[in-house]
Amino acid sequence: MYNCYCDGDSKLAENGRDCVPRKVLKCASGYEVQSSVCVDVDECQGDHGCGFKCKNLEGSYQCVCDRGYELLSDALNCVDIDECATGRHVCRQRCVNDHGSYSEMKSLMNLSFSILKF
């Protein structure tokens, strides 16, 4: 019968034969230890707090908005862009803001109807 021992900065592995580093690996924020290596955590898989979509970045994440919306200063929530009020439209007649887009109202002999949706 024999016993294995490790020196200094090592400790005996679970197999009872090998020595492994005693130091605990610390990873930067946004990373976690997997097989003694720091790997990126996909924050978008958990409760990220984004109001619309979440984009995983290396070591972090970013909230993103659908087209027609812009990110608020809280960097979590999105608000509709009023293309009509900001002049971000191509309407020749009446611009009508919609959620995430806008439409153009055209008049034809006192009748109004929406023909274009962007």
N, C-alpha and C. Protein backbone atom coordinates (compact mmCIF):
# COMPACT_ATOMS: atom_id res chain seq x y z
N MET A 1 0.85 -1.17 0.00
CA MET A 1 0.00 0.00 0.00
C MET A 1 0.89 1.23 0.00
N TYR A 2 0.46 2.24 -0.72
CA TYR A 2 1.23 3.47 -0.79
C TYR A 2 0.29 4.67 -0.72
N ASN A 3 0.80 5.82 -0.36
CA ASN A 3 0.07 7.08 -0.31
C ASN A 3 0.81 8.10 -1.15
N CYS A 4 0.06 8.84 -1.93
CA CYS A 4 0.65 9.91 -2.75
C CYS A 4 0.50 11.23 -2.02
N TYR A 5 1.50 12.09 -2.19
CA TYR A 5 1.49 13.42 -1.59
C TYR A 5 1.91 14.42 -2.64
N CYS A 6 1.45 15.64 -2.49
CA CYS A 6 1.83 16.72 -3.41
C CYS A 6 2.54 17.79 -2.60
N ASP A 7 3.38 18.56 -3.28
CA ASP A 7 4.12 19.58 -2.57
C ASP A 7 3.56 20.99 -2.82
N GLY A 8 3.95 21.92 -2.01
CA GLY A 8 3.70 23.35 -2.16
C GLY A 8 2.33 23.78 -2.64
N ASP A 9 2.28 24.21 -3.92
CA ASP A 9 1.08 24.81 -4.48
C ASP A 9 0.13 23.79 -5.10
N SER A 10 0.35 22.51 -4.84
CA SER A 10 -0.50 21.47 -5.43
C SER A 10 -1.27 20.73 -4.37
N LYS A 11 -2.32 20.06 -4.82
CA LYS A 11 -3.08 19.19 -3.94
C LYS A 11 -3.38 17.91 -4.70
N LEU A 12 -3.70 16.88 -3.98
CA LEU A 12 -3.97 15.58 -4.57
C LEU A 12 -5.31 15.61 -5.29
N ALA A 13 -5.31 15.13 -6.53
CA ALA A 13 -6.54 15.08 -7.32
C ALA A 13 -7.45 13.98 -6.80
N GLU A 14 -8.70 13.98 -7.26
CA GLU A 14 -9.67 13.00 -6.81
C GLU A 14 -9.26 11.56 -7.13
N ASN A 15 -8.43 11.38 -8.15
CA ASN A 15 -8.01 10.02 -8.52
C ASN A 15 -6.97 9.46 -7.54
N GLY A 16 -6.46 10.30 -6.61
CA GLY A 16 -5.52 9.84 -5.60
C GLY A 16 -4.10 9.69 -6.09
N ARG A 17 -3.82 10.01 -7.36
CA ARG A 17 -2.48 9.84 -7.92
C ARG A 17 -1.88 11.14 -8.44
N ASP A 18 -2.70 11.97 -9.02
CA ASP A 18 -2.18 13.19 -9.67
C ASP A 18 -2.26 14.39 -8.75
N CYS A 19 -1.38 15.34 -9.03
CA CYS A 19 -1.38 16.61 -8.31
C CYS A 19 -1.98 17.69 -9.20
N VAL A 20 -2.81 18.51 -8.63
CA VAL A 20 -3.44 19.62 -9.37
C VAL A 20 -3.14 20.91 -8.63
N PRO A 21 -3.13 22.04 -9.36
CA PRO A 21 -2.84 23.32 -8.70
C PRO A 21 -3.82 23.60 -7.57
N ARG A 22 -3.30 24.15 -6.49
CA ARG A 22 -4.11 24.48 -5.32
C ARG A 22 -4.82 25.83 -5.52
N LYS A 23 -4.26 26.66 -6.35
CA LYS A 23 -4.82 27.99 -6.57
C LYS A 23 -6.20 27.90 -7.20
N VAL A 24 -7.09 28.74 -6.73
CA VAL A 24 -8.43 28.81 -7.29
C VAL A 24 -8.39 29.80 -8.44
N LEU A 25 -8.82 29.37 -9.60
CA LEU A 25 -8.82 30.23 -10.77
C LEU A 25 -9.93 31.26 -10.64
N LYS A 26 -9.58 32.52 -10.75
CA LYS A 26 -10.55 33.61 -10.70
C LYS A 26 -10.70 34.16 -12.10
N CYS A 27 -11.93 34.33 -12.51
CA CYS A 27 -12.22 34.87 -13.84
C CYS A 27 -12.76 36.29 -13.71
N ALA A 28 -12.54 37.06 -14.74
CA ALA A 28 -13.08 38.42 -14.79
C ALA A 28 -14.60 38.36 -14.88
N SER A 29 -15.23 39.46 -14.58
CA SER A 29 -16.69 39.55 -14.67
C SER A 29 -17.14 39.19 -16.08
N GLY A 30 -18.18 38.38 -16.19
CA GLY A 30 -18.67 37.95 -17.50
C GLY A 30 -18.08 36.64 -17.96
N TYR A 31 -17.22 36.04 -17.14
CA TYR A 31 -16.59 34.76 -17.46
C TYR A 31 -16.78 33.81 -16.28
N GLU A 32 -16.70 32.52 -16.56
CA GLU A 32 -16.77 31.51 -15.51
C GLU A 32 -15.77 30.40 -15.80
N VAL A 33 -15.39 29.67 -14.75
CA VAL A 33 -14.41 28.58 -14.89
C VAL A 33 -15.11 27.33 -15.43
N GLN A 34 -14.55 26.79 -16.50
CA GLN A 34 -14.98 25.50 -17.06
C GLN A 34 -13.73 24.74 -17.45
N SER A 35 -13.53 23.60 -16.84
CA SER A 35 -12.34 22.77 -17.11
C SER A 35 -11.05 23.56 -16.94
N SER A 36 -10.93 24.29 -15.86
CA SER A 36 -9.75 25.08 -15.51
C SER A 36 -9.44 26.19 -16.50
N VAL A 37 -10.45 26.65 -17.22
CA VAL A 37 -10.28 27.74 -18.18
C VAL A 37 -11.43 28.72 -17.99
N CYS A 38 -11.17 30.01 -18.12
CA CYS A 38 -12.22 31.02 -18.07
C CYS A 38 -12.90 31.11 -19.44
N VAL A 39 -14.21 30.93 -19.45
CA VAL A 39 -14.97 31.01 -20.70
C VAL A 39 -16.08 32.05 -20.53
N ASP A 40 -16.47 32.63 -21.64
CA ASP A 40 -17.51 33.66 -21.66
C ASP A 40 -18.84 33.09 -21.17
N VAL A 41 -19.53 33.87 -20.34
CA VAL A 41 -20.88 33.52 -19.90
C VAL A 41 -21.85 34.17 -20.88
N ASP A 42 -22.82 33.43 -21.37
CA ASP A 42 -23.84 34.00 -22.24
C ASP A 42 -24.95 34.58 -21.36
N GLU A 43 -24.80 35.85 -21.02
CA GLU A 43 -25.75 36.51 -20.14
C GLU A 43 -27.16 36.56 -20.73
N CYS A 44 -27.26 36.44 -22.03
CA CYS A 44 -28.56 36.51 -22.69
C CYS A 44 -29.41 35.26 -22.42
N GLN A 45 -28.79 34.18 -21.95
CA GLN A 45 -29.53 32.96 -21.62
C GLN A 45 -30.26 33.09 -20.29
N GLY A 46 -29.85 34.03 -19.46
CA GLY A 46 -30.46 34.20 -18.15
C GLY A 46 -31.35 35.43 -18.11
N ASP A 47 -31.58 35.94 -16.93
CA ASP A 47 -32.41 37.13 -16.73
C ASP A 47 -31.54 38.35 -16.97
N HIS A 48 -31.53 38.85 -18.19
CA HIS A 48 -30.65 39.95 -18.57
C HIS A 48 -31.28 41.31 -18.36
N GLY A 49 -32.60 41.40 -18.28
CA GLY A 49 -33.27 42.67 -18.03
C GLY A 49 -33.56 43.50 -19.26
N CYS A 50 -33.16 43.02 -20.43
CA CYS A 50 -33.42 43.78 -21.66
C CYS A 50 -34.91 43.77 -22.00
N GLY A 51 -35.40 44.92 -22.42
CA GLY A 51 -36.80 45.04 -22.79
C GLY A 51 -37.14 44.38 -24.12
N PHE A 52 -36.20 44.34 -25.06
CA PHE A 52 -36.44 43.74 -26.36
C PHE A 52 -35.53 42.53 -26.56
N LYS A 53 -34.36 42.77 -27.13
CA LYS A 53 -33.44 41.67 -27.44
C LYS A 53 -32.13 41.85 -26.69
N CYS A 54 -31.45 40.74 -26.50
CA CYS A 54 -30.15 40.73 -25.83
C CYS A 54 -29.11 40.19 -26.80
N LYS A 55 -27.97 40.86 -26.88
CA LYS A 55 -26.86 40.42 -27.73
C LYS A 55 -25.68 40.09 -26.83
N ASN A 56 -25.25 38.82 -26.86
CA ASN A 56 -24.10 38.42 -26.05
C ASN A 56 -22.82 38.98 -26.65
N LEU A 57 -21.98 39.54 -25.81
CA LEU A 57 -20.67 40.05 -26.20
C LEU A 57 -19.62 39.30 -25.39
N GLU A 58 -18.40 39.33 -25.81
CA GLU A 58 -17.31 38.67 -25.08
C GLU A 58 -17.16 39.32 -23.71
N GLY A 59 -17.53 38.58 -22.66
CA GLY A 59 -17.42 39.08 -21.30
C GLY A 59 -18.53 40.00 -20.86
N SER A 60 -19.53 40.20 -21.70
CA SER A 60 -20.59 41.13 -21.37
C SER A 60 -21.82 40.86 -22.24
N TYR A 61 -22.74 41.79 -22.27
CA TYR A 61 -23.89 41.71 -23.16
C TYR A 61 -24.40 43.12 -23.43
N GLN A 62 -25.28 43.23 -24.40
CA GLN A 62 -25.83 44.53 -24.77
C GLN A 62 -27.30 44.36 -25.14
N CYS A 63 -28.13 45.25 -24.67
CA CYS A 63 -29.53 45.24 -25.06
C CYS A 63 -29.64 45.94 -26.41
N VAL A 64 -30.44 45.37 -27.30
CA VAL A 64 -30.63 45.95 -28.63
C VAL A 64 -32.13 46.05 -28.92
N CYS A 65 -32.45 46.97 -29.80
CA CYS A 65 -33.85 47.24 -30.13
C CYS A 65 -34.16 46.77 -31.55
N ASP A 66 -35.44 46.48 -31.77
CA ASP A 66 -35.91 46.19 -33.12
C ASP A 66 -35.82 47.46 -33.95
N ARG A 67 -35.86 47.29 -35.26
CA ARG A 67 -35.86 48.43 -36.18
C ARG A 67 -37.07 49.31 -35.87
N GLY A 68 -36.85 50.60 -35.85
CA GLY A 68 -37.92 51.54 -35.55
C GLY A 68 -38.00 51.92 -34.08
N TYR A 69 -37.09 51.36 -33.28
CA TYR A 69 -37.01 51.68 -31.85
C TYR A 69 -35.58 52.09 -31.52
N GLU A 70 -35.42 52.84 -30.44
CA GLU A 70 -34.08 53.21 -29.99
C GLU A 70 -33.93 52.94 -28.51
N LEU A 71 -32.70 52.65 -28.12
CA LEU A 71 -32.38 52.30 -26.74
C LEU A 71 -32.44 53.55 -25.85
N LEU A 72 -33.09 53.41 -24.72
CA LEU A 72 -33.17 54.52 -23.76
C LEU A 72 -31.86 54.64 -23.00
N SER A 73 -31.71 55.71 -22.24
CA SER A 73 -30.47 55.95 -21.49
C SER A 73 -30.23 54.90 -20.41
N ASP A 74 -31.27 54.13 -20.01
CA ASP A 74 -31.06 53.06 -19.03
C ASP A 74 -30.36 51.86 -19.64
N ALA A 75 -30.15 51.88 -20.97
CA ALA A 75 -29.47 50.83 -21.73
C ALA A 75 -30.17 49.48 -21.65
N LEU A 76 -31.43 49.46 -21.20
CA LEU A 76 -32.20 48.22 -21.09
C LEU A 76 -33.47 48.23 -21.93
N ASN A 77 -34.12 49.37 -21.99
CA ASN A 77 -35.43 49.46 -22.62
C ASN A 77 -35.40 50.26 -23.91
N CYS A 78 -36.37 50.00 -24.76
CA CYS A 78 -36.47 50.65 -26.05
C CYS A 78 -37.74 51.49 -26.13
N VAL A 79 -37.69 52.52 -26.93
CA VAL A 79 -38.85 53.37 -27.15
C VAL A 79 -39.03 53.53 -28.66
N ASP A 80 -40.27 53.63 -29.07
CA ASP A 80 -40.59 53.81 -30.49
C ASP A 80 -40.01 55.13 -30.99
N ILE A 81 -39.43 55.09 -32.18
CA ILE A 81 -38.96 56.31 -32.83
C ILE A 81 -40.15 56.89 -33.59
N ASP A 82 -40.49 58.13 -33.33
CA ASP A 82 -41.57 58.78 -34.06
C ASP A 82 -40.98 59.38 -35.33
N GLU A 83 -40.97 58.57 -36.39
CA GLU A 83 -40.37 58.99 -37.65
C GLU A 83 -41.03 60.24 -38.21
N CYS A 84 -42.31 60.40 -37.94
CA CYS A 84 -43.04 61.57 -38.45
C CYS A 84 -42.56 62.85 -37.77
N ALA A 85 -42.39 62.80 -36.46
CA ALA A 85 -41.97 63.98 -35.71
C ALA A 85 -40.50 64.31 -35.93
N THR A 86 -39.67 63.29 -36.17
CA THR A 86 -38.24 63.52 -36.32
C THR A 86 -37.82 63.75 -37.77
N GLY A 87 -38.76 63.59 -38.70
CA GLY A 87 -38.43 63.79 -40.11
C GLY A 87 -37.75 62.61 -40.76
N ARG A 88 -37.77 61.46 -40.11
CA ARG A 88 -37.15 60.25 -40.65
C ARG A 88 -38.16 59.45 -41.48
N HIS A 89 -38.77 60.08 -42.43
CA HIS A 89 -39.75 59.40 -43.27
C HIS A 89 -39.64 59.90 -44.70
N VAL A 90 -40.31 59.24 -45.61
CA VAL A 90 -40.30 59.62 -47.02
C VAL A 90 -41.71 59.95 -47.51
N CYS A 91 -42.57 60.31 -46.60
CA CYS A 91 -43.96 60.60 -46.96
C CYS A 91 -44.05 61.94 -47.69
N ARG A 92 -44.91 61.98 -48.71
CA ARG A 92 -45.15 63.22 -49.43
C ARG A 92 -46.39 63.92 -48.87
N GLN A 93 -47.29 63.13 -48.33
CA GLN A 93 -48.50 63.73 -47.77
C GLN A 93 -48.47 63.59 -46.26
N ARG A 94 -49.40 62.93 -45.67
CA ARG A 94 -49.50 62.85 -44.21
C ARG A 94 -48.79 61.60 -43.67
N CYS A 95 -47.89 61.82 -42.73
CA CYS A 95 -47.16 60.73 -42.08
C CYS A 95 -47.89 60.35 -40.80
N VAL A 96 -48.08 59.04 -40.59
CA VAL A 96 -48.73 58.55 -39.39
C VAL A 96 -47.77 57.59 -38.69
N ASN A 97 -47.40 57.93 -37.45
CA ASN A 97 -46.48 57.08 -36.70
C ASN A 97 -47.19 55.80 -36.28
N ASP A 98 -46.44 54.70 -36.29
CA ASP A 98 -46.94 53.40 -35.89
C ASP A 98 -45.90 52.78 -34.96
N HIS A 99 -46.20 51.71 -34.28
CA HIS A 99 -45.22 51.06 -33.41
C HIS A 99 -44.09 50.48 -34.26
N GLY A 100 -42.91 51.07 -34.16
CA GLY A 100 -41.74 50.59 -34.88
C GLY A 100 -41.68 50.98 -36.34
N SER A 101 -42.66 51.73 -36.82
CA SER A 101 -42.65 52.14 -38.23
C SER A 101 -43.57 53.35 -38.41
N TYR A 102 -43.94 53.59 -39.64
CA TYR A 102 -44.87 54.66 -39.95
C TYR A 102 -45.57 54.33 -41.27
N SER A 103 -46.65 55.03 -41.55
CA SER A 103 -47.34 54.86 -42.83
C SER A 103 -47.67 56.23 -43.39
N GLU A 104 -47.96 56.23 -44.66
CA GLU A 104 -48.32 57.47 -45.33
C GLU A 104 -49.80 57.45 -45.65
N MET A 105 -50.49 58.51 -45.24
CA MET A 105 -51.91 58.65 -45.54
C MET A 105 -52.03 59.51 -46.79
N LYS A 106 -52.73 59.01 -47.76
CA LYS A 106 -52.97 59.76 -48.99
C LYS A 106 -54.44 60.11 -49.07
N SER A 107 -54.73 61.23 -49.64
CA SER A 107 -56.11 61.67 -49.81
C SER A 107 -56.51 61.52 -51.27
N LEU A 108 -57.72 61.10 -51.47
CA LEU A 108 -58.27 60.98 -52.82
C LEU A 108 -59.73 61.41 -52.74
N MET A 109 -60.03 62.60 -53.22
CA MET A 109 -61.38 63.17 -53.20
C MET A 109 -62.02 63.05 -51.82
N ASN A 110 -61.39 63.66 -50.84
CA ASN A 110 -61.87 63.72 -49.46
C ASN A 110 -61.90 62.36 -48.76
N LEU A 111 -61.33 61.31 -49.33
CA LEU A 111 -61.21 60.02 -48.67
C LEU A 111 -59.75 59.81 -48.29
N SER A 112 -59.51 59.38 -47.11
CA SER A 112 -58.14 59.11 -46.66
C SER A 112 -57.94 57.63 -46.50
N PHE A 113 -56.82 57.16 -46.94
CA PHE A 113 -56.49 55.76 -46.74
C PHE A 113 -54.98 55.62 -46.66
N SER A 114 -54.57 54.58 -45.97
CA SER A 114 -53.15 54.32 -45.79
C SER A 114 -52.69 53.39 -46.89
N ILE A 115 -51.65 53.80 -47.63
CA ILE A 115 -51.19 52.93 -48.71
C ILE A 115 -49.78 52.41 -48.51
N LEU A 116 -48.99 53.10 -47.76
CA LEU A 116 -47.60 52.68 -47.58
C LEU A 116 -47.31 52.44 -46.11
N LYS A 117 -46.70 51.32 -45.80
CA LYS A 117 -46.26 51.05 -44.44
C LYS A 117 -44.77 50.74 -44.49
N PHE A 118 -44.01 51.39 -43.64
CA PHE A 118 -42.56 51.23 -43.65
C PHE A 118 -42.09 50.50 -42.43
